[in-house]
C-alpha atoms as a PDB file:
ATOM      1  CA  MET A   1     -48.872 -75.028-127.474  1.00  0.00           C
ATOM      2  CA  VAL A   2     -51.994 -76.167-129.262  1.00  0.00           C
ATOM      3  CA  ASP A   3     -55.025 -76.208-127.251  1.00  0.00           C
ATOM      4  CA  VAL A   4     -56.395 -79.708-127.779  1.00  0.00           C
ATOM      5  CA  MET A   5     -59.821 -79.096-126.378  1.00  0.00           C
ATOM      6  CA  LYS A   6     -60.277 -76.248-128.536  1.00  0.00           C
ATOM      7  CA  GLN A   7     -59.003 -78.287-131.362  1.00  0.00           C
ATOM      8  CA  SER A   8     -61.381 -81.125-130.790  1.00  0.00           C
ATOM      9  CA  GLU A   9     -64.369 -78.677-130.237  1.00  0.00           C
ATOM     10  CA  THR A  10     -63.509 -77.279-133.717  1.00  0.00           C
ATOM     11  CA  LEU A  11     -63.146 -80.507-135.412  1.00  0.00           C
ATOM     12  CA  ALA A  12     -66.412 -81.551-133.706  1.00  0.00           C
ATOM     13  CA  ARG A  13     -68.300 -78.820-135.162  1.00  0.00           C
ATOM     14  CA  ILE A  14     -67.039 -79.160-138.735  1.00  0.00           C
ATOM     15  CA  GLU A  15     -67.977 -82.786-138.474  1.00  0.00           C
ATOM     16  CA  ARG A  16     -71.528 -81.595-137.601  1.00  0.00           C
ATOM     17  CA  GLY A  17     -71.264 -79.400-140.701  1.00  0.00           C
ATOM     18  CA  PHE A  18     -70.394 -82.103-143.101  1.00  0.00           C
ATOM     19  CA  ASN A  19     -73.019 -84.532-141.350  1.00  0.00           C
ATOM     20  CA  PRO A  20     -75.765 -82.422-140.071  1.00  0.00           C
ATOM     21  CA  ARG A  21     -78.902 -83.424-138.476  1.00  0.00           C
ATOM     22  CA  ASN A  22     -80.713 -80.165-138.758  1.00  0.00           C
ATOM     23  CA  VAL A  23     -80.451 -77.282-141.443  1.00  0.00           C
ATOM     24  CA  ALA A  24     -81.689 -73.748-141.305  1.00  0.00           C
ATOM     25  CA  VAL A  25     -81.867 -71.953-144.783  1.00  0.00           C
ATOM     26  CA  ILE A  26     -82.185 -68.146-144.054  1.00  0.00           C
ATOM     27  CA  GLY A  27     -83.652 -65.959-146.605  1.00  0.00           C
ATOM     28  CA  ALA A  28     -85.433 -68.196-149.077  1.00  0.00           C
ATOM     29  CA  ALA A  29     -88.076 -66.280-150.981  1.00  0.00           C
ATOM     30  CA  ARG A  30     -90.439 -66.208-153.971  1.00  0.00           C
ATOM     31  CA  HIS A  31     -88.060 -64.081-156.010  1.00  0.00           C
ATOM     32  CA  ASN A  32     -85.442 -66.977-155.962  1.00  0.00           C
ATOM     33  CA  GLU A  33     -88.261 -69.592-156.215  1.00  0.00           C
ATOM     34  CA  PHE A  34     -87.247 -71.045-152.906  1.00  0.00           C
ATOM     35  CA  ARG A  35     -84.237 -72.642-154.570  1.00  0.00           C
ATOM     36  CA  TRP A  36     -82.215 -72.845-151.177  1.00  0.00           C
ATOM     37  CA  ILE A  37     -84.952 -74.875-149.459  1.00  0.00           C
ATOM     38  CA  LYS A  38     -85.502 -76.961-152.754  1.00  0.00           C
ATOM     39  CA  ALA A  39     -81.650 -77.603-152.783  1.00  0.00           C
ATOM     40  CA  HIS A  40     -81.922 -79.170-149.342  1.00  0.00           C
ATOM     41  CA  LEU A  41     -85.114 -81.262-149.547  1.00  0.00           C
ATOM     42  CA  PRO A  42     -83.490 -84.544-150.401  1.00  0.00           C
ATOM     43  CA  PHE A  43     -81.649 -83.945-147.027  1.00  0.00           C
ATOM     44  CA  HIS A  44     -84.924 -83.273-145.496  1.00  0.00           C
ATOM     45  CA  GLN A  45     -86.586 -86.315-146.840  1.00  0.00           C
ATOM     46  CA  ASN A  46     -83.645 -88.803-146.097  1.00  0.00           C
ATOM     47  CA  HIS A  47     -81.638 -87.466-143.078  1.00  0.00           C
ATOM     48  CA  GLY A  48     -82.989 -84.770-140.955  1.00  0.00           C
ATOM     49  CA  LYS A  49     -84.981 -81.593-140.853  1.00  0.00           C
ATOM     50  CA  VAL A  50     -84.808 -78.373-142.654  1.00  0.00           C
ATOM     51  CA  PHE A  51     -86.159 -75.153-141.276  1.00  0.00           C
ATOM     52  CA  HIS A  52     -86.814 -71.877-143.186  1.00  0.00           C
ATOM     53  CA  VAL A  53     -86.064 -68.484-141.477  1.00  0.00           C
ATOM     54  CA  ASN A  54     -87.476 -65.332-142.915  1.00  0.00           C
ATOM     55  CA  ILE A  55     -88.674 -62.266-141.126  1.00  0.00           C
ATOM     56  CA  ASP A  56     -91.236 -61.647-143.948  1.00  0.00           C
ATOM     57  CA  GLU A  57     -94.177 -63.990-143.150  1.00  0.00           C
ATOM     58  CA  ASN A  58     -95.476 -63.348-146.539  1.00  0.00           C
ATOM     59  CA  GLU A  59     -92.793 -65.777-147.601  1.00  0.00           C
ATOM     60  CA  TRP A  60     -93.598 -68.565-145.373  1.00  0.00           C
ATOM     61  CA  PRO A  61     -96.335 -70.236-147.473  1.00  0.00           C
ATOM     62  CA  GLY A  62     -93.798 -71.123-150.092  1.00  0.00           C
ATOM     63  CA  ALA A  63     -91.729 -73.174-147.536  1.00  0.00           C
ATOM     64  CA  GLU A  64     -94.852 -74.668-145.938  1.00  0.00           C
ATOM     65  CA  ALA A  65     -95.809 -75.938-149.421  1.00  0.00           C
ATOM     66  CA  LEU A  66     -92.504 -77.760-149.500  1.00  0.00           C
ATOM     67  CA  GLY A  67     -92.966 -79.261-146.054  1.00  0.00           C
ATOM     68  CA  VAL A  68     -90.811 -76.857-144.121  1.00  0.00           C
ATOM     69  CA  LYS A  69     -91.425 -75.208-141.011  1.00  0.00           C
ATOM     70  CA  ASN A  70     -91.004 -71.221-140.762  1.00  0.00           C
ATOM     71  CA  PHE A  71     -89.332 -69.164-138.033  1.00  0.00           C
ATOM     72  CA  LYS A  72     -88.622 -65.381-137.844  1.00  0.00           C
ATOM     73  CA  SER A  73     -85.214 -66.071-136.137  1.00  0.00           C
ATOM     74  CA  LEU A  74     -82.635 -68.654-136.027  1.00  0.00           C
ATOM     75  CA  LEU A  75     -82.889 -68.290-132.330  1.00  0.00           C
ATOM     76  CA  ASP A  76     -86.518 -69.343-132.419  1.00  0.00           C
ATOM     77  CA  ILE A  77     -85.814 -72.884-133.613  1.00  0.00           C
ATOM     78  CA  PRO A  78     -86.285 -75.176-130.751  1.00  0.00           C
ATOM     79  CA  GLU A  79     -83.810 -77.963-132.085  1.00  0.00           C
ATOM     80  CA  PRO A  80     -80.093 -77.870-132.544  1.00  0.00           C
ATOM     81  CA  ILE A  81     -78.877 -76.542-135.687  1.00  0.00           C
ATOM     82  CA  ASP A  82     -76.048 -77.965-137.229  1.00  0.00           C
ATOM     83  CA  TYR A  83     -75.779 -76.065-140.722  1.00  0.00           C
ATOM     84  CA  VAL A  84     -76.789 -72.675-141.649  1.00  0.00           C
ATOM     85  CA  CYS A  85     -77.511 -71.800-145.342  1.00  0.00           C
ATOM     86  CA  ILE A  86     -77.713 -67.896-145.649  1.00  0.00           C
ATOM     87  CA  SER A  87     -79.194 -66.442-148.785  1.00  0.00           C
ATOM     88  CA  VAL A  88     -79.697 -62.610-148.176  1.00  0.00           C
ATOM     89  CA  PRO A  89     -78.290 -59.294-149.095  1.00  0.00           C
ATOM     90  CA  ARG A  90     -74.719 -59.120-147.885  1.00  0.00           C
ATOM     91  CA  GLN A  91     -75.571 -56.159-145.860  1.00  0.00           C
ATOM     92  CA  VAL A  92     -77.689 -58.292-143.672  1.00  0.00           C
ATOM     93  CA  VAL A  93     -75.339 -61.254-143.330  1.00  0.00           C
ATOM     94  CA  PRO A  94     -73.116 -59.624-140.269  1.00  0.00           C
ATOM     95  CA  ARG A  95     -76.342 -59.191-138.300  1.00  0.00           C
ATOM     96  CA  LEU A  96     -77.120 -63.040-138.860  1.00  0.00           C
ATOM     97  CA  LEU A  97     -73.641 -64.327-137.769  1.00  0.00           C
ATOM     98  CA  PRO A  98     -73.923 -63.848-134.210  1.00  0.00           C
ATOM     99  CA  ASP A  99     -77.200 -65.875-134.139  1.00  0.00           C
ATOM    100  CA  CYS A 100     -75.293 -68.450-135.739  1.00  0.00           C
ATOM    101  CA  ALA A 101     -72.526 -68.623-133.281  1.00  0.00           C
ATOM    102  CA  GLN A 102     -75.022 -68.394-130.403  1.00  0.00           C
ATOM    103  CA  ARG A 103     -76.679 -71.312-131.593  1.00  0.00           C
ATOM    104  CA  GLY A 104     -73.562 -73.139-132.035  1.00  0.00           C
ATOM    105  CA  SER A 105     -74.155 -74.262-135.743  1.00  0.00           C
ATOM    106  CA  GLY A 106     -71.478 -76.333-136.964  1.00  0.00           C
ATOM    107  CA  TRP A 107     -71.032 -74.841-140.442  1.00  0.00           C
ATOM    108  CA  THR A 108     -72.414 -71.517-142.166  1.00  0.00           C
ATOM    109  CA  THR A 109     -72.393 -71.093-145.689  1.00  0.00           C
ATOM    110  CA  ARG A 110     -73.433 -68.145-147.508  1.00  0.00           C
ATOM    111  CA  SER A 111     -74.498 -67.164-151.052  1.00  0.00           C
ATOM    112  CA  ALA A 112     -74.590 -63.267-150.502  1.00  0.00           C
ATOM    113  CA  ASN A 113     -72.071 -61.115-152.503  1.00  0.00           C
ATOM    114  CA  TRP A 114     -69.530 -60.498-149.585  1.00  0.00           C
ATOM    115  CA  PRO A 115     -66.502 -58.152-149.457  1.00  0.00           C
ATOM    116  CA  ARG A 116     -63.035 -59.514-148.686  1.00  0.00           C
ATOM    117  CA  GLY A 117     -61.752 -59.144-145.266  1.00  0.00           C
ATOM    118  CA  MET A 118     -65.061 -60.224-143.421  1.00  0.00           C
ATOM    119  CA  GLY A 119     -63.603 -63.341-141.661  1.00  0.00           C
ATOM    120  CA  SER A 120     -64.572 -65.850-144.498  1.00  0.00           C
ATOM    121  CA  SER A 121     -62.856 -67.653-147.328  1.00  0.00           C
ATOM    122  CA  SER A 122     -64.025 -66.160-150.798  1.00  0.00           C
ATOM    123  CA  TRP A 123     -63.496 -67.453-154.092  1.00  0.00           C
ATOM    124  CA  GLY A 124     -64.840 -64.510-156.085  1.00  0.00           C
ATOM    125  CA  PRO A 125     -67.614 -61.945-155.366  1.00  0.00           C
ATOM    126  CA  THR A 126     -70.542 -63.995-155.488  1.00  0.00           C
ATOM    127  CA  ALA A 127     -68.975 -67.343-154.615  1.00  0.00           C
ATOM    128  CA  TRP A 128     -69.964 -69.748-151.892  1.00  0.00           C
ATOM    129  CA  GLY A 129     -67.709 -69.342-148.826  1.00  0.00           C
ATOM    130  CA  CYS A 130     -67.759 -71.569-145.571  1.00  0.00           C
ATOM    131  CA  ILE A 131     -67.066 -70.194-142.146  1.00  0.00           C
ATOM    132  CA  THR A 132     -67.037 -71.178-138.638  1.00  0.00           C
ATOM    133  CA  PRO A 133     -67.487 -68.162-136.365  1.00  0.00           C
ATOM    134  CA  PRO A 134     -64.380 -67.921-133.927  1.00  0.00           C
ATOM    135  CA  TRP A 135     -66.449 -66.071-131.387  1.00  0.00           C
ATOM    136  CA  GLY A 136     -69.164 -68.840-131.188  1.00  0.00           C
END
């Protein structure tokens, strides 16, 4: 028997991912020219808010120059997060996913090199994959 409530909750989270109000970009930095923030600026200007998450405060001025608020942790952002874009070394990604689940993000994408079998769909070693963590 299909759990209808769980199914409807899952569909609602996926819908939030496709139509987010707030987006968090984790790991944008000078070395990648803040590409992941820049990629979300049209959204920021027309639909909702974009937040930057980076533990290195030396990277914050670049995001601030783009008009994006900085936070050390996804958990520090005071607003609901519908979509999370992760751009960090693959070794760091597993430490971030529980925060995504705790925040109840609707959708998470990652651009890190990710080994197979880690609970996400992958189309190659550096391809984008979308996940909705089952524990969150």
